[in-house]
mmCIF file of all heavy atoms, coordinates in Angstrom:
data_MODEL
# 
_entry.id   MODEL 
# 
loop_
_atom_site.group_PDB 
_atom_site.id 
_atom_site.type_symbol 
_atom_site.label_atom_id 
_atom_site.label_alt_id 
_atom_site.label_comp_id 
_atom_site.label_asym_id 
_atom_site.label_entity_id 
_atom_site.label_seq_id 
_atom_site.pdbx_PDB_ins_code 
_atom_site.Cartn_x 
_atom_site.Cartn_y 
_atom_site.Cartn_z 
_atom_site.occupancy 
_atom_site.B_iso_or_equiv 
_atom_site.pdbx_formal_charge 
_atom_site.auth_seq_id 
_atom_site.auth_comp_id 
_atom_site.auth_asym_id 
_atom_site.auth_atom_id 
_atom_site.pdbx_PDB_model_num 
ATOM 1   N N   . ASN A 1 1  ? 56.186 20.632 43.004 1.00 0.00 ? 1  ASN A N   1 
ATOM 2   C CA  . ASN A 1 1  ? 54.870 21.217 43.298 1.00 0.00 ? 1  ASN A CA  1 
ATOM 3   C C   . ASN A 1 1  ? 53.738 20.450 42.552 1.00 0.00 ? 1  ASN A C   1 
ATOM 4   O O   . ASN A 1 1  ? 53.977 19.886 41.539 1.00 0.00 ? 1  ASN A O   1 
ATOM 5   C CB  . ASN A 1 1  ? 54.726 22.691 42.837 1.00 0.00 ? 1  ASN A CB  1 
ATOM 6   C CG  . ASN A 1 1  ? 55.727 23.605 43.564 1.00 0.00 ? 1  ASN A CG  1 
ATOM 7   O OD1 . ASN A 1 1  ? 55.638 23.696 44.792 1.00 0.00 ? 1  ASN A OD1 1 
ATOM 8   N ND2 . ASN A 1 1  ? 56.621 24.173 42.955 1.00 0.00 ? 1  ASN A ND2 1 
ATOM 9   N N   . ASN A 1 2  ? 52.593 20.303 43.159 1.00 0.00 ? 2  ASN A N   1 
ATOM 10  C CA  . ASN A 1 2  ? 51.418 19.600 42.566 1.00 0.00 ? 2  ASN A CA  1 
ATOM 11  C C   . ASN A 1 2  ? 51.870 18.141 42.163 1.00 0.00 ? 2  ASN A C   1 
ATOM 12  O O   . ASN A 1 2  ? 51.663 17.667 40.993 1.00 0.00 ? 2  ASN A O   1 
ATOM 13  C CB  . ASN A 1 2  ? 50.901 20.343 41.448 1.00 0.00 ? 2  ASN A CB  1 
ATOM 14  C CG  . ASN A 1 2  ? 50.482 21.732 41.917 1.00 0.00 ? 2  ASN A CG  1 
ATOM 15  O OD1 . ASN A 1 2  ? 49.646 21.926 42.677 1.00 0.00 ? 2  ASN A OD1 1 
ATOM 16  N ND2 . ASN A 1 2  ? 50.971 22.701 41.155 1.00 0.00 ? 2  ASN A ND2 1 
ATOM 17  N N   . PRO A 1 3  ? 52.507 17.440 42.951 1.00 0.00 ? 3  PRO A N   1 
ATOM 18  C CA  . PRO A 1 3  ? 53.006 16.070 42.630 1.00 0.00 ? 3  PRO A CA  1 
ATOM 19  C C   . PRO A 1 3  ? 51.940 15.055 42.277 1.00 0.00 ? 3  PRO A C   1 
ATOM 20  O O   . PRO A 1 3  ? 52.194 14.171 41.346 1.00 0.00 ? 3  PRO A O   1 
ATOM 21  C CB  . PRO A 1 3  ? 53.812 15.628 43.899 1.00 0.00 ? 3  PRO A CB  1 
ATOM 22  C CG  . PRO A 1 3  ? 53.192 16.307 45.050 1.00 0.00 ? 3  PRO A CG  1 
ATOM 23  C CD  . PRO A 1 3  ? 52.761 17.672 44.464 1.00 0.00 ? 3  PRO A CD  1 
ATOM 24  N N   . SER A 1 4  ? 50.823 15.153 42.766 1.00 0.00 ? 4  SER A N   1 
ATOM 25  C CA  . SER A 1 4  ? 49.682 14.158 42.431 1.00 0.00 ? 4  SER A CA  1 
ATOM 26  C C   . SER A 1 4  ? 49.344 14.306 41.038 1.00 0.00 ? 4  SER A C   1 
ATOM 27  O O   . SER A 1 4  ? 48.757 13.281 40.505 1.00 0.00 ? 4  SER A O   1 
ATOM 28  C CB  . SER A 1 4  ? 48.549 14.375 43.451 1.00 0.00 ? 4  SER A CB  1 
ATOM 29  O OG  . SER A 1 4  ? 47.952 15.658 43.189 1.00 0.00 ? 4  SER A OG  1 
ATOM 30  N N   . VAL A 1 5  ? 49.502 15.328 40.381 1.00 0.00 ? 5  VAL A N   1 
ATOM 31  C CA  . VAL A 1 5  ? 49.088 15.534 38.923 1.00 0.00 ? 5  VAL A CA  1 
ATOM 32  C C   . VAL A 1 5  ? 50.338 15.753 38.148 1.00 0.00 ? 5  VAL A C   1 
ATOM 33  O O   . VAL A 1 5  ? 50.240 16.610 37.180 1.00 0.00 ? 5  VAL A O   1 
ATOM 34  C CB  . VAL A 1 5  ? 48.010 16.578 38.768 1.00 0.00 ? 5  VAL A CB  1 
ATOM 35  C CG1 . VAL A 1 5  ? 46.714 16.054 39.300 1.00 0.00 ? 5  VAL A CG1 1 
ATOM 36  C CG2 . VAL A 1 5  ? 48.457 17.935 39.334 1.00 0.00 ? 5  VAL A CG2 1 
ATOM 37  N N   . GLY A 1 6  ? 51.507 15.210 38.420 1.00 0.00 ? 6  GLY A N   1 
ATOM 38  C CA  . GLY A 1 6  ? 52.658 15.390 37.723 1.00 0.00 ? 6  GLY A CA  1 
ATOM 39  C C   . GLY A 1 6  ? 52.659 15.179 36.217 1.00 0.00 ? 6  GLY A C   1 
ATOM 40  O O   . GLY A 1 6  ? 53.195 15.910 35.553 1.00 0.00 ? 6  GLY A O   1 
ATOM 41  N N   . SER A 1 7  ? 52.107 14.105 35.811 1.00 0.00 ? 7  SER A N   1 
ATOM 42  C CA  . SER A 1 7  ? 51.920 13.886 34.290 1.00 0.00 ? 7  SER A CA  1 
ATOM 43  C C   . SER A 1 7  ? 51.139 15.000 33.715 1.00 0.00 ? 7  SER A C   1 
ATOM 44  O O   . SER A 1 7  ? 51.568 15.445 32.519 1.00 0.00 ? 7  SER A O   1 
ATOM 45  C CB  . SER A 1 7  ? 51.248 12.589 34.063 1.00 0.00 ? 7  SER A CB  1 
ATOM 46  O OG  . SER A 1 7  ? 52.053 11.464 34.536 1.00 0.00 ? 7  SER A OG  1 
ATOM 47  N N   . ALA A 1 8  ? 50.038 15.532 34.170 1.00 0.00 ? 8  ALA A N   1 
ATOM 48  C CA  . ALA A 1 8  ? 49.194 16.559 33.607 1.00 0.00 ? 8  ALA A CA  1 
ATOM 49  C C   . ALA A 1 8  ? 50.068 17.740 33.592 1.00 0.00 ? 8  ALA A C   1 
ATOM 50  O O   . ALA A 1 8  ? 50.111 18.678 32.570 1.00 0.00 ? 8  ALA A O   1 
ATOM 51  C CB  . ALA A 1 8  ? 47.906 16.858 34.429 1.00 0.00 ? 8  ALA A CB  1 
ATOM 52  N N   . VAL A 1 9  ? 50.894 18.128 34.585 1.00 0.00 ? 9  VAL A N   1 
ATOM 53  C CA  . VAL A 1 9  ? 51.704 19.357 34.656 1.00 0.00 ? 9  VAL A CA  1 
ATOM 54  C C   . VAL A 1 9  ? 52.759 19.205 33.466 1.00 0.00 ? 9  VAL A C   1 
ATOM 55  O O   . VAL A 1 9  ? 53.183 20.093 32.918 1.00 0.00 ? 9  VAL A O   1 
ATOM 56  C CB  . VAL A 1 9  ? 52.287 19.587 36.014 1.00 0.00 ? 9  VAL A CB  1 
ATOM 57  C CG1 . VAL A 1 9  ? 53.325 20.721 35.986 1.00 0.00 ? 9  VAL A CG1 1 
ATOM 58  C CG2 . VAL A 1 9  ? 51.218 19.843 36.957 1.00 0.00 ? 9  VAL A CG2 1 
ATOM 59  N N   . GLY A 1 10 ? 53.350 17.914 33.392 1.00 0.00 ? 10 GLY A N   1 
ATOM 60  C CA  . GLY A 1 10 ? 54.284 17.674 32.332 1.00 0.00 ? 10 GLY A CA  1 
ATOM 61  C C   . GLY A 1 10 ? 53.836 18.052 30.902 1.00 0.00 ? 10 GLY A C   1 
ATOM 62  O O   . GLY A 1 10 ? 54.642 18.376 30.086 1.00 0.00 ? 10 GLY A O   1 
ATOM 63  N N   . PHE A 1 11 ? 52.481 17.797 30.638 1.00 0.00 ? 11 PHE A N   1 
ATOM 64  C CA  . PHE A 1 11 ? 51.987 18.133 29.347 1.00 0.00 ? 11 PHE A CA  1 
ATOM 65  C C   . PHE A 1 11 ? 52.109 19.544 28.993 1.00 0.00 ? 11 PHE A C   1 
ATOM 66  O O   . PHE A 1 11 ? 52.335 19.906 27.885 1.00 0.00 ? 11 PHE A O   1 
ATOM 67  C CB  . PHE A 1 11 ? 50.405 17.904 29.304 1.00 0.00 ? 11 PHE A CB  1 
ATOM 68  C CG  . PHE A 1 11 ? 50.080 16.409 29.431 1.00 0.00 ? 11 PHE A CG  1 
ATOM 69  C CD1 . PHE A 1 11 ? 48.689 16.086 29.566 1.00 0.00 ? 11 PHE A CD1 1 
ATOM 70  C CD2 . PHE A 1 11 ? 51.058 15.508 29.393 1.00 0.00 ? 11 PHE A CD2 1 
ATOM 71  C CE1 . PHE A 1 11 ? 48.394 14.674 29.588 1.00 0.00 ? 11 PHE A CE1 1 
ATOM 72  C CE2 . PHE A 1 11 ? 50.687 14.059 29.465 1.00 0.00 ? 11 PHE A CE2 1 
ATOM 73  C CZ  . PHE A 1 11 ? 49.404 13.748 29.564 1.00 0.00 ? 11 PHE A CZ  1 
ATOM 74  N N   . LEU A 1 12 ? 52.197 20.517 29.970 1.00 0.00 ? 12 LEU A N   1 
ATOM 75  C CA  . LEU A 1 12 ? 52.183 21.818 29.841 1.00 0.00 ? 12 LEU A CA  1 
ATOM 76  C C   . LEU A 1 12 ? 53.778 22.189 29.281 1.00 0.00 ? 12 LEU A C   1 
ATOM 77  O O   . LEU A 1 12 ? 53.829 23.314 28.732 1.00 0.00 ? 12 LEU A O   1 
ATOM 78  C CB  . LEU A 1 12 ? 51.874 22.715 31.082 1.00 0.00 ? 12 LEU A CB  1 
ATOM 79  C CG  . LEU A 1 12 ? 50.574 22.432 31.671 1.00 0.00 ? 12 LEU A CG  1 
ATOM 80  C CD1 . LEU A 1 12 ? 50.310 23.204 32.990 1.00 0.00 ? 12 LEU A CD1 1 
ATOM 81  C CD2 . LEU A 1 12 ? 49.462 22.884 30.637 1.00 0.00 ? 12 LEU A CD2 1 
ATOM 82  N N   . PHE A 1 13 ? 54.674 21.425 29.624 1.00 0.00 ? 13 PHE A N   1 
ATOM 83  C CA  . PHE A 1 13 ? 56.010 21.693 29.181 1.00 0.00 ? 13 PHE A CA  1 
ATOM 84  C C   . PHE A 1 13 ? 56.319 21.043 27.881 1.00 0.00 ? 13 PHE A C   1 
ATOM 85  O O   . PHE A 1 13 ? 57.393 21.342 27.283 1.00 0.00 ? 13 PHE A O   1 
ATOM 86  C CB  . PHE A 1 13 ? 57.000 21.237 30.357 1.00 0.00 ? 13 PHE A CB  1 
ATOM 87  C CG  . PHE A 1 13 ? 56.894 22.084 31.650 1.00 0.00 ? 13 PHE A CG  1 
ATOM 88  C CD1 . PHE A 1 13 ? 56.505 21.303 32.753 1.00 0.00 ? 13 PHE A CD1 1 
ATOM 89  C CD2 . PHE A 1 13 ? 57.095 23.420 31.677 1.00 0.00 ? 13 PHE A CD2 1 
ATOM 90  C CE1 . PHE A 1 13 ? 56.407 22.050 33.975 1.00 0.00 ? 13 PHE A CE1 1 
ATOM 91  C CE2 . PHE A 1 13 ? 56.962 24.097 32.833 1.00 0.00 ? 13 PHE A CE2 1 
ATOM 92  C CZ  . PHE A 1 13 ? 56.575 23.460 34.031 1.00 0.00 ? 13 PHE A CZ  1 
ATOM 93  N N   . ALA A 1 14 ? 55.531 20.083 27.528 1.00 0.00 ? 14 ALA A N   1 
ATOM 94  C CA  . ALA A 1 14 ? 55.841 19.392 26.275 1.00 0.00 ? 14 ALA A CA  1 
ATOM 95  C C   . ALA A 1 14 ? 55.773 20.233 25.020 1.00 0.00 ? 14 ALA A C   1 
ATOM 96  O O   . ALA A 1 14 ? 54.902 20.963 24.843 1.00 0.00 ? 14 ALA A O   1 
ATOM 97  C CB  . ALA A 1 14 ? 54.931 18.232 26.148 1.00 0.00 ? 14 ALA A CB  1 
ATOM 98  N N   . PRO A 1 15 ? 56.765 20.014 24.123 1.00 0.00 ? 15 PRO A N   1 
ATOM 99  C CA  . PRO A 1 15 ? 56.737 20.921 22.827 1.00 0.00 ? 15 PRO A CA  1 
ATOM 100 C C   . PRO A 1 15 ? 55.778 20.093 21.854 1.00 0.00 ? 15 PRO A C   1 
ATOM 101 O O   . PRO A 1 15 ? 55.406 18.919 22.021 1.00 0.00 ? 15 PRO A O   1 
ATOM 102 C CB  . PRO A 1 15 ? 58.158 20.798 22.333 1.00 0.00 ? 15 PRO A CB  1 
ATOM 103 C CG  . PRO A 1 15 ? 58.628 19.434 22.895 1.00 0.00 ? 15 PRO A CG  1 
ATOM 104 C CD  . PRO A 1 15 ? 57.979 19.238 24.205 1.00 0.00 ? 15 PRO A CD  1 
ATOM 105 N N   . VAL A 1 16 ? 55.315 20.870 20.931 1.00 0.00 ? 16 VAL A N   1 
ATOM 106 C CA  . VAL A 1 16 ? 54.668 20.305 19.739 1.00 0.00 ? 16 VAL A CA  1 
ATOM 107 C C   . VAL A 1 16 ? 55.798 19.604 18.962 1.00 0.00 ? 16 VAL A C   1 
ATOM 108 O O   . VAL A 1 16 ? 56.698 20.243 18.414 1.00 0.00 ? 16 VAL A O   1 
ATOM 109 C CB  . VAL A 1 16 ? 53.927 21.307 18.874 1.00 0.00 ? 16 VAL A CB  1 
ATOM 110 C CG1 . VAL A 1 16 ? 53.293 20.571 17.686 1.00 0.00 ? 16 VAL A CG1 1 
ATOM 111 C CG2 . VAL A 1 16 ? 52.754 21.884 19.740 1.00 0.00 ? 16 VAL A CG2 1 
ATOM 112 N N   . SER A 1 17 ? 55.673 18.303 18.699 1.00 0.00 ? 17 SER A N   1 
ATOM 113 C CA  . SER A 1 17 ? 56.866 17.621 18.024 1.00 0.00 ? 17 SER A CA  1 
ATOM 114 C C   . SER A 1 17 ? 56.238 16.387 17.244 1.00 0.00 ? 17 SER A C   1 
ATOM 115 O O   . SER A 1 17 ? 55.171 15.976 17.392 1.00 0.00 ? 17 SER A O   1 
ATOM 116 C CB  . SER A 1 17 ? 57.910 17.253 18.982 1.00 0.00 ? 17 SER A CB  1 
ATOM 117 O OG  . SER A 1 17 ? 57.371 16.169 19.946 1.00 0.00 ? 17 SER A OG  1 
ATOM 118 N N   . TYR A 1 18 ? 57.217 16.037 16.358 1.00 0.00 ? 18 TYR A N   1 
ATOM 119 C CA  . TYR A 1 18 ? 56.824 14.797 15.600 1.00 0.00 ? 18 TYR A CA  1 
ATOM 120 C C   . TYR A 1 18 ? 58.206 14.101 15.161 1.00 0.00 ? 18 TYR A C   1 
ATOM 121 O O   . TYR A 1 18 ? 59.210 14.872 14.666 1.00 0.00 ? 18 TYR A O   1 
ATOM 122 C CB  . TYR A 1 18 ? 56.080 15.185 14.256 1.00 0.00 ? 18 TYR A CB  1 
ATOM 123 C CG  . TYR A 1 18 ? 55.423 13.949 13.643 1.00 0.00 ? 18 TYR A CG  1 
ATOM 124 C CD1 . TYR A 1 18 ? 54.362 13.333 14.248 1.00 0.00 ? 18 TYR A CD1 1 
ATOM 125 C CD2 . TYR A 1 18 ? 55.990 13.439 12.384 1.00 0.00 ? 18 TYR A CD2 1 
ATOM 126 C CE1 . TYR A 1 18 ? 53.662 12.192 13.704 1.00 0.00 ? 18 TYR A CE1 1 
ATOM 127 C CE2 . TYR A 1 18 ? 55.285 12.349 11.791 1.00 0.00 ? 18 TYR A CE2 1 
ATOM 128 C CZ  . TYR A 1 18 ? 54.304 11.726 12.405 1.00 0.00 ? 18 TYR A CZ  1 
ATOM 129 O OH  . TYR A 1 18 ? 53.702 10.419 11.940 1.00 0.00 ? 18 TYR A OH  1 
ATOM 130 N N   . GLU A 1 19 ? 58.142 12.853 15.193 1.00 0.00 ? 19 GLU A N   1 
ATOM 131 C CA  . GLU A 1 19 ? 59.439 12.090 14.874 1.00 0.00 ? 19 GLU A CA  1 
ATOM 132 C C   . GLU A 1 19 ? 59.238 10.974 13.873 1.00 0.00 ? 19 GLU A C   1 
ATOM 133 O O   . GLU A 1 19 ? 58.233 10.409 13.860 1.00 0.00 ? 19 GLU A O   1 
ATOM 134 C CB  . GLU A 1 19 ? 59.930 11.423 16.168 1.00 0.00 ? 19 GLU A CB  1 
ATOM 135 C CG  . GLU A 1 19 ? 61.359 10.667 16.012 1.00 0.00 ? 19 GLU A CG  1 
ATOM 136 C CD  . GLU A 1 19 ? 61.890 10.189 17.240 1.00 0.00 ? 19 GLU A CD  1 
ATOM 137 O OE1 . GLU A 1 19 ? 61.298 10.407 18.385 1.00 0.00 ? 19 GLU A OE1 1 
ATOM 138 O OE2 . GLU A 1 19 ? 62.984 9.566  17.211 1.00 0.00 ? 19 GLU A OE2 1 
ATOM 139 N N   . ILE A 1 20 ? 60.066 10.945 12.933 1.00 0.00 ? 20 ILE A N   1 
ATOM 140 C CA  . ILE A 1 20 ? 59.965 9.963  11.817 1.00 0.00 ? 20 ILE A CA  1 
ATOM 141 C C   . ILE A 1 20 ? 61.285 9.205  11.796 1.00 0.00 ? 20 ILE A C   1 
ATOM 142 O O   . ILE A 1 20 ? 62.417 9.740  11.900 1.00 0.00 ? 20 ILE A O   1 
ATOM 143 C CB  . ILE A 1 20 ? 59.738 10.725 10.403 1.00 0.00 ? 20 ILE A CB  1 
ATOM 144 C CG1 . ILE A 1 20 ? 58.494 11.596 10.515 1.00 0.00 ? 20 ILE A CG1 1 
ATOM 145 C CG2 . ILE A 1 20 ? 59.575 9.623  9.427  1.00 0.00 ? 20 ILE A CG2 1 
ATOM 146 C CD1 . ILE A 1 20 ? 58.324 12.325 9.327  1.00 0.00 ? 20 ILE A CD1 1 
ATOM 147 N N   . VAL A 1 21 ? 61.188 7.895  11.654 1.00 0.00 ? 21 VAL A N   1 
ATOM 148 C CA  . VAL A 1 21 ? 62.295 7.040  11.440 1.00 0.00 ? 21 VAL A CA  1 
ATOM 149 C C   . VAL A 1 21 ? 62.187 6.204  10.140 1.00 0.00 ? 21 VAL A C   1 
ATOM 150 O O   . VAL A 1 21 ? 61.174 5.723  9.868  1.00 0.00 ? 21 VAL A O   1 
ATOM 151 C CB  . VAL A 1 21 ? 62.359 5.971  12.617 1.00 0.00 ? 21 VAL A CB  1 
ATOM 152 C CG1 . VAL A 1 21 ? 63.584 5.063  12.446 1.00 0.00 ? 21 VAL A CG1 1 
ATOM 153 C CG2 . VAL A 1 21 ? 62.316 6.691  13.947 1.00 0.00 ? 21 VAL A CG2 1 
ATOM 154 N N   . ARG A 1 22 ? 63.247 6.202  9.370  1.00 0.00 ? 22 ARG A N   1 
ATOM 155 C CA  . ARG A 1 22 ? 63.280 5.511  8.032  1.00 0.00 ? 22 ARG A CA  1 
ATOM 156 C C   . ARG A 1 22 ? 64.478 4.646  7.970  1.00 0.00 ? 22 ARG A C   1 
ATOM 157 O O   . ARG A 1 22 ? 65.557 4.962  8.606  1.00 0.00 ? 22 ARG A O   1 
ATOM 158 C CB  . ARG A 1 22 ? 63.281 6.450  6.903  1.00 0.00 ? 22 ARG A CB  1 
ATOM 159 C CG  . ARG A 1 22 ? 61.947 7.320  6.920  1.00 0.00 ? 22 ARG A CG  1 
ATOM 160 C CD  . ARG A 1 22 ? 60.936 6.594  6.235  1.00 0.00 ? 22 ARG A CD  1 
ATOM 161 N NE  . ARG A 1 22 ? 59.505 7.120  6.313  1.00 0.00 ? 22 ARG A NE  1 
ATOM 162 C CZ  . ARG A 1 22 ? 59.131 8.071  5.738  1.00 0.00 ? 22 ARG A CZ  1 
ATOM 163 N NH1 . ARG A 1 22 ? 59.804 8.778  4.805  1.00 0.00 ? 22 ARG A NH1 1 
ATOM 164 N NH2 . ARG A 1 22 ? 57.845 8.702  5.964  1.00 0.00 ? 22 ARG A NH2 1 
ATOM 165 N N   . SER A 1 23 ? 64.353 3.527  7.366  1.00 0.00 ? 23 SER A N   1 
ATOM 166 C CA  . SER A 1 23 ? 65.517 2.612  7.162  1.00 0.00 ? 23 SER A CA  1 
ATOM 167 C C   . SER A 1 23 ? 66.373 3.074  5.814  1.00 0.00 ? 23 SER A C   1 
ATOM 168 O O   . SER A 1 23 ? 65.804 3.342  4.750  1.00 0.00 ? 23 SER A O   1 
ATOM 169 C CB  . SER A 1 23 ? 65.057 1.158  6.969  1.00 0.00 ? 23 SER A CB  1 
ATOM 170 O OG  . SER A 1 23 ? 64.422 0.813  8.151  1.00 0.00 ? 23 SER A OG  1 
ATOM 171 N N   . LEU A 1 24 ? 67.642 3.030  5.978  1.00 0.00 ? 24 LEU A N   1 
ATOM 172 C CA  . LEU A 1 24 ? 68.496 3.162  4.948  1.00 0.00 ? 24 LEU A CA  1 
ATOM 173 C C   . LEU A 1 24 ? 69.791 2.497  5.267  1.00 0.00 ? 24 LEU A C   1 
ATOM 174 O O   . LEU A 1 24 ? 70.634 3.169  6.039  1.00 0.00 ? 24 LEU A O   1 
ATOM 175 C CB  . LEU A 1 24 ? 68.737 4.609  4.397  1.00 0.00 ? 24 LEU A CB  1 
ATOM 176 C CG  . LEU A 1 24 ? 69.681 4.859  3.388  1.00 0.00 ? 24 LEU A CG  1 
ATOM 177 C CD1 . LEU A 1 24 ? 69.175 4.060  2.027  1.00 0.00 ? 24 LEU A CD1 1 
ATOM 178 C CD2 . LEU A 1 24 ? 69.899 6.298  3.093  1.00 0.00 ? 24 LEU A CD2 1 
ATOM 179 N N   . TYR A 1 25 ? 70.038 1.197  4.848  1.00 0.00 ? 25 TYR A N   1 
ATOM 180 C CA  . TYR A 1 25 ? 71.189 0.482  5.389  1.00 0.00 ? 25 TYR A CA  1 
ATOM 181 C C   . TYR A 1 25 ? 72.459 0.881  4.671  1.00 0.00 ? 25 TYR A C   1 
ATOM 182 O O   . TYR A 1 25 ? 72.473 1.194  3.459  1.00 0.00 ? 25 TYR A O   1 
ATOM 183 C CB  . TYR A 1 25 ? 71.063 -0.961 5.190  1.00 0.00 ? 25 TYR A CB  1 
ATOM 184 C CG  . TYR A 1 25 ? 72.232 -1.841 5.524  1.00 0.00 ? 25 TYR A CG  1 
ATOM 185 C CD1 . TYR A 1 25 ? 72.507 -2.204 6.883  1.00 0.00 ? 25 TYR A CD1 1 
ATOM 186 C CD2 . TYR A 1 25 ? 73.246 -2.200 4.612  1.00 0.00 ? 25 TYR A CD2 1 
ATOM 187 C CE1 . TYR A 1 25 ? 73.602 -2.812 7.218  1.00 0.00 ? 25 TYR A CE1 1 
ATOM 188 C CE2 . TYR A 1 25 ? 74.248 -2.904 4.954  1.00 0.00 ? 25 TYR A CE2 1 
ATOM 189 C CZ  . TYR A 1 25 ? 74.580 -3.265 6.358  1.00 0.00 ? 25 TYR A CZ  1 
ATOM 190 O OH  . TYR A 1 25 ? 75.599 -3.897 6.629  1.00 0.00 ? 25 TYR A OH  1 
ATOM 191 N N   . SER A 1 26 ? 73.491 1.068  5.485  1.00 0.00 ? 26 SER A N   1 
ATOM 192 C CA  . SER A 1 26 ? 74.751 1.291  4.954  1.00 0.00 ? 26 SER A CA  1 
ATOM 193 C C   . SER A 1 26 ? 75.960 1.067  5.934  1.00 0.00 ? 26 SER A C   1 
ATOM 194 O O   . SER A 1 26 ? 75.619 1.092  7.093  1.00 0.00 ? 26 SER A O   1 
ATOM 195 C CB  . SER A 1 26 ? 74.807 2.913  4.583  1.00 0.00 ? 26 SER A CB  1 
ATOM 196 O OG  . SER A 1 26 ? 76.265 3.131  3.991  1.00 0.00 ? 26 SER A OG  1 
ATOM 197 N N   . ARG A 1 27 ? 77.108 0.788  5.360  1.00 0.00 ? 27 ARG A N   1 
ATOM 198 C CA  . ARG A 1 27 ? 78.177 0.590  6.337  1.00 0.00 ? 27 ARG A CA  1 
ATOM 199 C C   . ARG A 1 27 ? 78.949 2.134  6.455  1.00 0.00 ? 27 ARG A C   1 
ATOM 200 O O   . ARG A 1 27 ? 78.858 2.727  5.432  1.00 0.00 ? 27 ARG A O   1 
ATOM 201 C CB  . ARG A 1 27 ? 79.242 -0.374 5.788  1.00 0.00 ? 27 ARG A CB  1 
ATOM 202 C CG  . ARG A 1 27 ? 78.612 -1.688 5.733  1.00 0.00 ? 27 ARG A CG  1 
ATOM 203 C CD  . ARG A 1 27 ? 79.779 -2.837 5.642  1.00 0.00 ? 27 ARG A CD  1 
ATOM 204 N NE  . ARG A 1 27 ? 79.134 -4.060 5.473  1.00 0.00 ? 27 ARG A NE  1 
ATOM 205 C CZ  . ARG A 1 27 ? 79.821 -5.244 5.884  1.00 0.00 ? 27 ARG A CZ  1 
ATOM 206 N NH1 . ARG A 1 27 ? 81.056 -5.319 6.218  1.00 0.00 ? 27 ARG A NH1 1 
ATOM 207 N NH2 . ARG A 1 27 ? 79.157 -6.420 5.668  1.00 0.00 ? 27 ARG A NH2 1 
# 
């Protein structure tokens, strides 16, 4: 439904989130 504004509709389903990546080398 409403395909022409698909990205805007997708915003409504997106969670509030945050991602962090850190380095820590190990075998």
